[in-house]
PDB file of N, CA and C in Angstrom:
ATOM      1  N   MET A   1     172.132 176.436  57.273  1.00  0.00           N
ATOM      2  CA  MET A   1     170.738 176.839  57.155  1.00  0.00           C
ATOM      3  C   MET A   1     170.400 177.052  55.680  1.00  0.00           C
ATOM      4  N   LEU A   2     169.241 176.579  55.279  1.00  0.00           N
ATOM      5  CA  LEU A   2     168.818 176.716  53.894  1.00  0.00           C
ATOM      6  C   LEU A   2     168.367 178.136  53.590  1.00  0.00           C
ATOM      7  N   LYS A   3     168.733 178.575  52.413  1.00  0.00           N
ATOM      8  CA  LYS A   3     168.330 179.903  51.955  1.00  0.00           C
ATOM      9  C   LYS A   3     166.938 179.795  51.333  1.00  0.00           C
ATOM     10  N   PRO A   4     166.006 180.689  51.685  1.00  0.00           N
ATOM     11  CA  PRO A   4     164.685 180.643  51.059  1.00  0.00           C
ATOM     12  C   PRO A   4     164.783 180.883  49.556  1.00  0.00           C
ATOM     13  N   VAL A   5     163.926 180.221  48.825  1.00  0.00           N
ATOM     14  CA  VAL A   5     163.919 180.348  47.370  1.00  0.00           C
ATOM     15  C   VAL A   5     162.828 181.343  46.990  1.00  0.00           C
ATOM     16  N   SER A   6     163.173 182.291  46.141  1.00  0.00           N
ATOM     17  CA  SER A   6     162.199 183.304  45.734  1.00  0.00           C
ATOM     18  C   SER A   6     161.191 182.722  44.748  1.00  0.00           C
ATOM     19  N   LYS A   7     160.075 183.422  44.585  1.00  0.00           N
ATOM     20  CA  LYS A   7     159.062 182.999  43.613  1.00  0.00           C
ATOM     21  C   LYS A   7     159.648 182.963  42.213  1.00  0.00           C
ATOM     22  N   THR A   8     160.491 183.913  41.908  1.00  0.00           N
ATOM     23  CA  THR A   8     161.109 183.977  40.581  1.00  0.00           C
ATOM     24  C   THR A   8     161.991 182.764  40.334  1.00  0.00           C
ATOM     25  N   GLU A   9     162.756 182.379  41.334  1.00  0.00           N
ATOM     26  CA  GLU A   9     163.620 181.203  41.206  1.00  0.00           C
ATOM     27  C   GLU A   9     162.791 179.924  41.058  1.00  0.00           C
ATOM     28  N   ARG A  10     161.700 179.821  41.801  1.00  0.00           N
ATOM     29  CA  ARG A  10     160.826 178.652  41.688  1.00  0.00           C
ATOM     30  C   ARG A  10     160.173 178.598  40.311  1.00  0.00           C
ATOM     31  N   ALA A  11     159.730 179.757  39.829  1.00  0.00           N
ATOM     32  CA  ALA A  11     159.098 179.809  38.507  1.00  0.00           C
ATOM     33  C   ALA A  11     160.089 179.410  37.423  1.00  0.00           C
ATOM     34  N   GLU A  12     161.319 179.857  37.540  1.00  0.00           N
ATOM     35  CA  GLU A  12     162.350 179.516  36.549  1.00  0.00           C
ATOM     36  C   GLU A  12     162.662 178.019  36.598  1.00  0.00           C
ATOM     37  N   LYS A  13     162.735 177.470  37.787  1.00  0.00           N
ATOM     38  CA  LYS A  13     162.988 176.027  37.926  1.00  0.00           C
ATOM     39  C   LYS A  13     161.857 175.232  37.286  1.00  0.00           C
ATOM     40  N   THR A  14     160.617 175.623  37.537  1.00  0.00           N
ATOM     41  CA  THR A  14     159.467 174.941  36.951  1.00  0.00           C
ATOM     42  C   THR A  14     159.493 175.056  35.433  1.00  0.00           C
ATOM     43  N   ARG A  15     159.808 176.246  34.914  1.00  0.00           N
ATOM     44  CA  ARG A  15     159.884 176.453  33.466  1.00  0.00           C
ATOM     45  C   ARG A  15     160.925 175.533  32.844  1.00  0.00           C
ATOM     46  N   GLN A  16     162.083 175.414  33.481  1.00  0.00           N
ATOM     47  CA  GLN A  16     163.149 174.545  32.974  1.00  0.00           C
ATOM     48  C   GLN A  16     162.717 173.076  32.998  1.00  0.00           C
ATOM     49  N   GLN A  17     162.020 172.671  34.046  1.00  0.00           N
ATOM     50  CA  GLN A  17     161.548 171.287  34.136  1.00  0.00           C
ATOM     51  C   GLN A  17     160.526 170.992  33.039  1.00  0.00           C
ATOM     52  N   ILE A  18     159.638 171.933  32.789  1.00  0.00           N
ATOM     53  CA  ILE A  18     158.637 171.743  31.734  1.00  0.00           C
ATOM     54  C   ILE A  18     159.310 171.705  30.371  1.00  0.00           C
ATOM     55  N   GLU A  19     160.345 172.510  30.176  1.00  0.00           N
ATOM     56  CA  GLU A  19     161.091 172.492  28.909  1.00  0.00           C
ATOM     57  C   GLU A  19     161.743 171.122  28.702  1.00  0.00           C
ATOM     58  N   ARG A  20     162.287 170.528  29.752  1.00  0.00           N
ATOM     59  CA  ARG A  20     162.879 169.191  29.643  1.00  0.00           C
ATOM     60  C   ARG A  20     161.807 168.155  29.294  1.00  0.00           C
ATOM     61  N   VAL A  21     160.636 168.274  29.901  1.00  0.00           N
ATOM     62  CA  VAL A  21     159.519 167.372  29.581  1.00  0.00           C
ATOM     63  C   VAL A  21     159.173 167.514  28.105  1.00  0.00           C
ATOM     64  N   HIS A  22     159.102 168.747  27.625  1.00  0.00           N
ATOM     65  CA  HIS A  22     158.797 169.010  26.214  1.00  0.00           C
ATOM     66  C   HIS A  22     159.813 168.313  25.315  1.00  0.00           C
ATOM     67  N   GLU A  23     161.089 168.476  25.609  1.00  0.00           N
ATOM     68  CA  GLU A  23     162.145 167.856  24.795  1.00  0.00           C
ATOM     69  C   GLU A  23     162.021 166.336  24.800  1.00  0.00           C
ATOM     70  N   GLN A  24     161.731 165.754  25.946  1.00  0.00           N
ATOM     71  CA  GLN A  24     161.576 164.300  26.036  1.00  0.00           C
ATOM     72  C   GLN A  24     160.391 163.823  25.201  1.00  0.00           C
ATOM     73  N   LEU A  25     159.293 164.567  25.266  1.00  0.00           N
ATOM     74  CA  LEU A  25     158.099 164.158  24.536  1.00  0.00           C
ATOM     75  C   LEU A  25     158.266 164.339  23.028  1.00  0.00           C
ATOM     76  N   VAL A  26     159.008 165.348  22.604  1.00  0.00           N
ATOM     77  CA  VAL A  26     159.289 165.508  21.165  1.00  0.00           C
ATOM     78  C   VAL A  26     160.036 164.279  20.663  1.00  0.00           C
ATOM     79  N   GLY A  27     160.984 163.777  21.448  1.00  0.00           N
ATOM     80  CA  GLY A  27     161.715 162.566  21.072  1.00  0.00           C
ATOM     81  C   GLY A  27     160.854 161.325  21.113  1.00  0.00           C
ATOM     82  N   GLU A  28     160.022 161.228  22.129  1.00  0.00           N
ATOM     83  CA  GLU A  28     159.172 160.037  22.293  1.00  0.00           C
ATOM     84  C   GLU A  28     158.082 159.966  21.225  1.00  0.00           C
ATOM     85  N   PHE A  29     157.551 161.114  20.830  1.00  0.00           N
ATOM     86  CA  PHE A  29     156.461 161.156  19.858  1.00  0.00           C
ATOM     87  C   PHE A  29     156.951 161.755  18.547  1.00  0.00           C
ATOM     88  N   SER A  30     157.983 161.141  18.006  1.00  0.00           N
ATOM     89  CA  SER A  30     158.605 161.652  16.779  1.00  0.00           C
ATOM     90  C   SER A  30     157.691 161.541  15.563  1.00  0.00           C
ATOM     91  N   SER A  31     156.648 160.724  15.659  1.00  0.00           N
ATOM     92  CA  SER A  31     155.706 160.615  14.539  1.00  0.00           C
ATOM     93  C   SER A  31     154.776 161.828  14.466  1.00  0.00           C
ATOM     94  N   LEU A  32     154.732 162.610  15.542  1.00  0.00           N
ATOM     95  CA  LEU A  32     153.913 163.817  15.571  1.00  0.00           C
ATOM     96  C   LEU A  32     154.792 165.043  15.360  1.00  0.00           C
ATOM     97  N   SER A  33     154.193 166.089  14.846  1.00  0.00           N
ATOM     98  CA  SER A  33     154.909 167.345  14.639  1.00  0.00           C
ATOM     99  C   SER A  33     155.362 167.912  15.989  1.00  0.00           C
ATOM    100  N   PRO A  34     156.580 168.455  16.054  1.00  0.00           N
ATOM    101  CA  PRO A  34     157.026 169.114  17.284  1.00  0.00           C
ATOM    102  C   PRO A  34     156.072 170.233  17.722  1.00  0.00           C
ATOM    103  N   ASP A  35     155.404 170.869  16.752  1.00  0.00           N
ATOM    104  CA  ASP A  35     154.430 171.916  17.088  1.00  0.00           C
ATOM    105  C   ASP A  35     153.234 171.340  17.845  1.00  0.00           C
ATOM    106  N   VAL A  36     152.802 170.152  17.459  1.00  0.00           N
ATOM    107  CA  VAL A  36     151.684 169.487  18.146  1.00  0.00           C
ATOM    108  C   VAL A  36     152.092 169.164  19.576  1.00  0.00           C
ATOM    109  N   VAL A  37     153.291 168.645  19.751  1.00  0.00           N
ATOM    110  CA  VAL A  37     153.791 168.321  21.087  1.00  0.00           C
ATOM    111  C   VAL A  37     153.900 169.597  21.917  1.00  0.00           C
ATOM    112  N   HIS A  38     154.440 170.643  21.314  1.00  0.00           N
ATOM    113  CA  HIS A  38     154.591 171.920  22.026  1.00  0.00           C
ATOM    114  C   HIS A  38     153.226 172.446  22.492  1.00  0.00           C
ATOM    115  N   ARG A  39     152.238 172.428  21.609  1.00  0.00           N
ATOM    116  CA  ARG A  39     150.900 172.920  21.972  1.00  0.00           C
ATOM    117  C   ARG A  39     150.304 172.103  23.111  1.00  0.00           C
ATOM    118  N   GLU A  40     150.488 170.791  23.058  1.00  0.00           N
ATOM    119  CA  GLU A  40     149.919 169.935  24.104  1.00  0.00           C
ATOM    120  C   GLU A  40     150.596 170.194  25.444  1.00  0.00           C
ATOM    121  N   VAL A  41     151.920 170.286  25.445  1.00  0.00           N
ATOM    122  CA  VAL A  41     152.654 170.578  26.684  1.00  0.00           C
ATOM    123  C   VAL A  41     152.248 171.946  27.224  1.00  0.00           C
ATOM    124  N   ALA A  42     152.138 172.931  26.351  1.00  0.00           N
ATOM    125  CA  ALA A  42     151.755 174.281  26.779  1.00  0.00           C
ATOM    126  C   ALA A  42     150.349 174.282  27.365  1.00  0.00           C
ATOM    127  N   THR A  43     149.423 173.623  26.694  1.00  0.00           N
ATOM    128  CA  THR A  43     148.035 173.589  27.163  1.00  0.00           C
ATOM    129  C   THR A  43     147.934 172.920  28.529  1.00  0.00           C
ATOM    130  N   VAL A  44     148.576 171.777  28.667  1.00  0.00           N
ATOM    131  CA  VAL A  44     148.512 171.033  29.926  1.00  0.00           C
ATOM    132  C   VAL A  44     149.200 171.805  31.042  1.00  0.00           C
ATOM    133  N   SER A  45     150.403 172.298  30.797  1.00  0.00           N
ATOM    134  CA  SER A  45     151.138 172.992  31.860  1.00  0.00           C
ATOM    135  C   SER A  45     150.437 174.283  32.271  1.00  0.00           C
ATOM    136  N   GLU A  46     149.877 175.015  31.317  1.00  0.00           N
ATOM    137  CA  GLU A  46     149.157 176.245  31.658  1.00  0.00           C
ATOM    138  C   GLU A  46     147.937 175.937  32.516  1.00  0.00           C
ATOM    139  N   GLY A  47     147.233 174.889  32.178  1.00  0.00           N
ATOM    140  CA  GLY A  47     146.076 174.492  32.974  1.00  0.00           C
ATOM    141  C   GLY A  47     146.454 174.102  34.389  1.00  0.00           C
ATOM    142  N   LEU A  48     147.524 173.341  34.514  1.00  0.00           N
ATOM    143  CA  LEU A  48     147.978 172.929  35.848  1.00  0.00           C
ATOM    144  C   LEU A  48     148.480 174.123  36.657  1.00  0.00           C
ATOM    145  N   LEU A  49     149.248 174.994  36.010  1.00  0.00           N
ATOM    146  CA  LEU A  49     149.797 176.152  36.721  1.00  0.00           C
ATOM    147  C   LEU A  49     148.703 177.125  37.156  1.00  0.00           C
ATOM    148  N   ALA A  50     147.636 177.209  36.379  1.00  0.00           N
ATOM    149  CA  ALA A  50     146.550 178.133  36.708  1.00  0.00           C
ATOM    150  C   ALA A  50     145.872 177.776  38.029  1.00  0.00           C
ATOM    151  N   SER A  51     145.844 176.495  38.349  1.00  0.00           N
ATOM    152  CA  SER A  51     145.155 176.078  39.571  1.00  0.00           C
ATOM    153  C   SER A  51     146.103 175.574  40.664  1.00  0.00           C
ATOM    154  N   ALA A  52     147.402 175.649  40.437  1.00  0.00           N
ATOM    155  CA  ALA A  52     148.366 175.098  41.393  1.00  0.00           C
ATOM    156  C   ALA A  52     148.579 176.035  42.580  1.00  0.00           C
ATOM    157  N   HIS A  53     148.553 175.447  43.769  1.00  0.00           N
ATOM    158  CA  HIS A  53     148.914 176.197  44.974  1.00  0.00           C
ATOM    159  C   HIS A  53     150.417 176.102  45.214  1.00  0.00           C
ATOM    160  N   PHE A  54     151.007 175.040  44.712  1.00  0.00           N
ATOM    161  CA  PHE A  54     152.453 174.876  44.695  1.00  0.00           C
ATOM    162  C   PHE A  54     152.803 174.141  43.408  1.00  0.00           C
ATOM    163  N   THR A  55     154.020 174.312  42.937  1.00  0.00           N
ATOM    164  CA  THR A  55     154.370 173.833  41.590  1.00  0.00           C
ATOM    165  C   THR A  55     155.351 172.670  41.576  1.00  0.00           C
ATOM    166  N   ASP A  56     155.574 172.057  42.703  1.00  0.00           N
ATOM    167  CA  ASP A  56     156.576 170.996  42.793  1.00  0.00           C
ATOM    168  C   ASP A  56     156.368 169.865  41.792  1.00  0.00           C
ATOM    169  N   HIS A  57     155.127 169.519  41.505  1.00  0.00           N
ATOM    170  CA  HIS A  57     154.856 168.359  40.665  1.00  0.00           C
ATOM    171  C   HIS A  57     154.263 168.716  39.301  1.00  0.00           C
ATOM    172  N   VAL A  58     154.247 169.984  38.967  1.00  0.00           N
ATOM    173  CA  VAL A  58     153.625 170.413  37.705  1.00  0.00           C
ATOM    174  C   VAL A  58     154.318 169.783  36.499  1.00  0.00           C
ATOM    175  N   ALA A  59     155.632 169.743  36.489  1.00  0.00           N
ATOM    176  CA  ALA A  59     156.357 169.186  35.334  1.00  0.00           C
ATOM    177  C   ALA A  59     156.071 167.697  35.169  1.00  0.00           C
ATOM    178  N   VAL A  60     156.062 166.955  36.267  1.00  0.00           N
ATOM    179  CA  VAL A  60     155.799 165.509  36.201  1.00  0.00           C
ATOM    180  C   VAL A  60     154.381 165.261  35.694  1.00  0.00           C
ATOM    181  N   LEU A  61     153.424 166.001  36.239  1.00  0.00           N
ATOM    182  CA  LEU A  61     152.039 165.821  35.808  1.00  0.00           C
ATOM    183  C   LEU A  61     151.848 166.273  34.367  1.00  0.00           C
ATOM    184  N   THR A  62     152.527 167.333  33.980  1.00  0.00           N
ATOM    185  CA  THR A  62     152.472 167.789  32.590  1.00  0.00           C
ATOM    186  C   THR A  62     152.938 166.666  31.670  1.00  0.00           C
ATOM    187  N   GLY A  63     154.041 166.031  32.006  1.00  0.00           N
ATOM    188  CA  GLY A  63     154.562 164.940  31.193  1.00  0.00           C
ATOM    189  C   GLY A  63     153.582 163.790  31.072  1.00  0.00           C
ATOM    190  N   ARG A  64     152.972 163.422  32.179  1.00  0.00           N
ATOM    191  CA  ARG A  64     152.036 162.285  32.168  1.00  0.00           C
ATOM    192  C   ARG A  64     150.785 162.604  31.359  1.00  0.00           C
ATOM    193  N   PHE A  65     150.173 163.751  31.631  1.00  0.00           N
ATOM    194  CA  PHE A  65     148.920 164.099  30.948  1.00  0.00           C
ATOM    195  C   PHE A  65     149.155 164.373  29.467  1.00  0.00           C
ATOM    196  N   ALA A  66     150.220 165.085  29.151  1.00  0.00           N
ATOM    197  CA  ALA A  66     150.512 165.383  27.744  1.00  0.00           C
ATOM    198  C   ALA A  66     150.815 164.095  26.986  1.00  0.00           C
ATOM    199  N   ALA A  67     151.582 163.195  27.580  1.00  0.00           N
ATOM    200  CA  ALA A  67     151.905 161.925  26.917  1.00  0.00           C
ATOM    201  C   ALA A  67     150.632 161.117  26.650  1.00  0.00           C
ATOM    202  N   GLU A  68     149.715 161.115  27.600  1.00  0.00           N
ATOM    203  CA  GLU A  68     148.451 160.389  27.405  1.00  0.00           C
ATOM    204  C   GLU A  68     147.678 160.981  26.222  1.00  0.00           C
ATOM    205  N   HIS A  69     147.599 162.292  26.162  1.00  0.00           N
ATOM    206  CA  HIS A  69     146.888 162.947  25.057  1.00  0.00           C
ATOM    207  C   HIS A  69     147.602 162.709  23.728  1.00  0.00           C
ATOM    208  N   LEU A  70     148.920 162.764  23.747  1.00  0.00           N
ATOM    209  CA  LEU A  70     149.681 162.557  22.517  1.00  0.00           C
ATOM    210  C   LEU A  70     149.548 161.115  22.022  1.00  0.00           C
ATOM    211  N   ARG A  71     149.484 160.153  22.937  1.00  0.00           N
ATOM    212  CA  ARG A  71     149.264 158.761  22.535  1.00  0.00           C
ATOM    213  C   ARG A  71     147.921 158.626  21.827  1.00  0.00           C
ATOM    214  N   ASP A  72     146.927 159.328  22.347  1.00  0.00           N
ATOM    215  CA  ASP A  72     145.609 159.307  21.706  1.00  0.00           C
ATOM    216  C   ASP A  72     145.682 159.876  20.300  1.00  0.00           C
ATOM    217  N   LEU A  73     146.442 160.937  20.109  1.00  0.00           N
ATOM    218  CA  LEU A  73     146.591 161.539  18.785  1.00  0.00           C
ATOM    219  C   LEU A  73     147.353 160.628  17.835  1.00  0.00           C
ATOM    220  N   GLU A  74     148.266 159.870  18.387  1.00  0.00           N
ATOM    221  CA  GLU A  74     149.122 158.991  17.597  1.00  0.00           C
ATOM    222  C   GLU A  74     148.376 157.740  17.131  1.00  0.00           C
ATOM    223  N   THR A  75     147.326 157.354  17.850  1.00  0.00           N
ATOM    224  CA  THR A  75     146.568 156.151  17.543  1.00  0.00           C
ATOM    225  C   THR A  75     145.724 156.388  16.297  1.00  0.00           C
ATOM    226  N   PRO A  76     145.946 155.593  15.251  1.00  0.00           N
ATOM    227  CA  PRO A  76     145.143 155.755  14.037  1.00  0.00           C
ATOM    228  C   PRO A  76     143.668 155.500  14.324  1.00  0.00           C
ATOM    229  N   LEU A  77     142.816 156.219  13.647  1.00  0.00           N
ATOM    230  CA  LEU A  77     141.377 156.088  13.836  1.00  0.00           C
ATOM    231  C   LEU A  77     140.910 154.661  13.568  1.00  0.00           C
ATOM    232  N   GLU A  78     141.524 153.986  12.595  1.00  0.00           N
ATOM    233  CA  GLU A  78     141.130 152.620  12.268  1.00  0.00           C
ATOM    234  C   GLU A  78     141.337 151.678  13.447  1.00  0.00           C
ATOM    235  N   ALA A  79     142.365 151.942  14.242  1.00  0.00           N
ATOM    236  CA  ALA A  79     142.642 151.071  15.393  1.00  0.00           C
ATOM    237  C   ALA A  79     141.584 151.235  16.473  1.00  0.00           C
ATOM    238  N   LEU A  80     140.860 152.343  16.434  1.00  0.00           N
ATOM    239  CA  LEU A  80     139.842 152.581  17.442  1.00  0.00           C
ATOM    240  C   LEU A  80     138.522 151.909  17.110  1.00  0.00           C
ATOM    241  N   THR A  81     138.354 151.492  15.866  1.00  0.00           N
ATOM    242  CA  THR A  81     137.113 150.815  15.481  1.00  0.00           C
ATOM    243  C   THR A  81     137.338 149.322  15.528  1.00  0.00           C
ATOM    244  N   ASP A  82     136.350 148.616  15.926  1.00  0.00           N
ATOM    245  CA  ASP A  82     136.454 147.160  16.022  1.00  0.00           C
ATOM    246  C   ASP A  82     135.933 146.557  14.718  1.00  0.00           C
ATOM    247  N   SER A  83     136.832 145.967  13.942  1.00  0.00           N
ATOM    248  CA  SER A  83     136.456 145.406  12.638  1.00  0.00           C
ATOM    249  C   SER A  83     135.601 144.143  12.772  1.00  0.00           C
ATOM    250  N   SER A  84     135.551 143.563  13.987  1.00  0.00           N
ATOM    251  CA  SER A  84     134.761 142.353  14.159  1.00  0.00           C
ATOM    252  C   SER A  84     133.278 142.652  14.370  1.00  0.00           C
ATOM    253  N   VAL A  85     132.946 143.924  14.571  1.00  0.00           N
ATOM    254  CA  VAL A  85     131.546 144.288  14.767  1.00  0.00           C
ATOM    255  C   VAL A  85     130.867 144.393  13.415  1.00  0.00           C
ATOM    256  N   SER A  86     129.774 143.686  13.250  1.00  0.00           N
ATOM    257  CA  SER A  86     129.071 143.720  11.968  1.00  0.00           C
ATOM    258  C   SER A  86     128.179 144.962  11.902  1.00  0.00           C
ATOM    259  N   SER A  87     128.000 145.462  10.682  1.00  0.00           N
ATOM    260  CA  SER A  87     127.172 146.658  10.475  1.00  0.00           C
ATOM    261  C   SER A  87     125.715 146.343  10.496  1.00  0.00           C
TER     262      SER A  87
END
């Protein structure tokens, strides 16, 4: 028979999963400051946790949303403008 998992144990598991996501994203986005990655992961995970009824997928969603935002930050502004458009 499975032993029920306490809220504290679930919260710790979620925290560890988010920490692993953070470490992966720091490696993936090495062109950005680790502080920028940390802030983005914290902002996204806090937002998700604030509205979550269950936390099973918070770490995965944190990774996806934070990576999308970090890619946007990594994209140079010049790449966002179309040089073929005449003024």
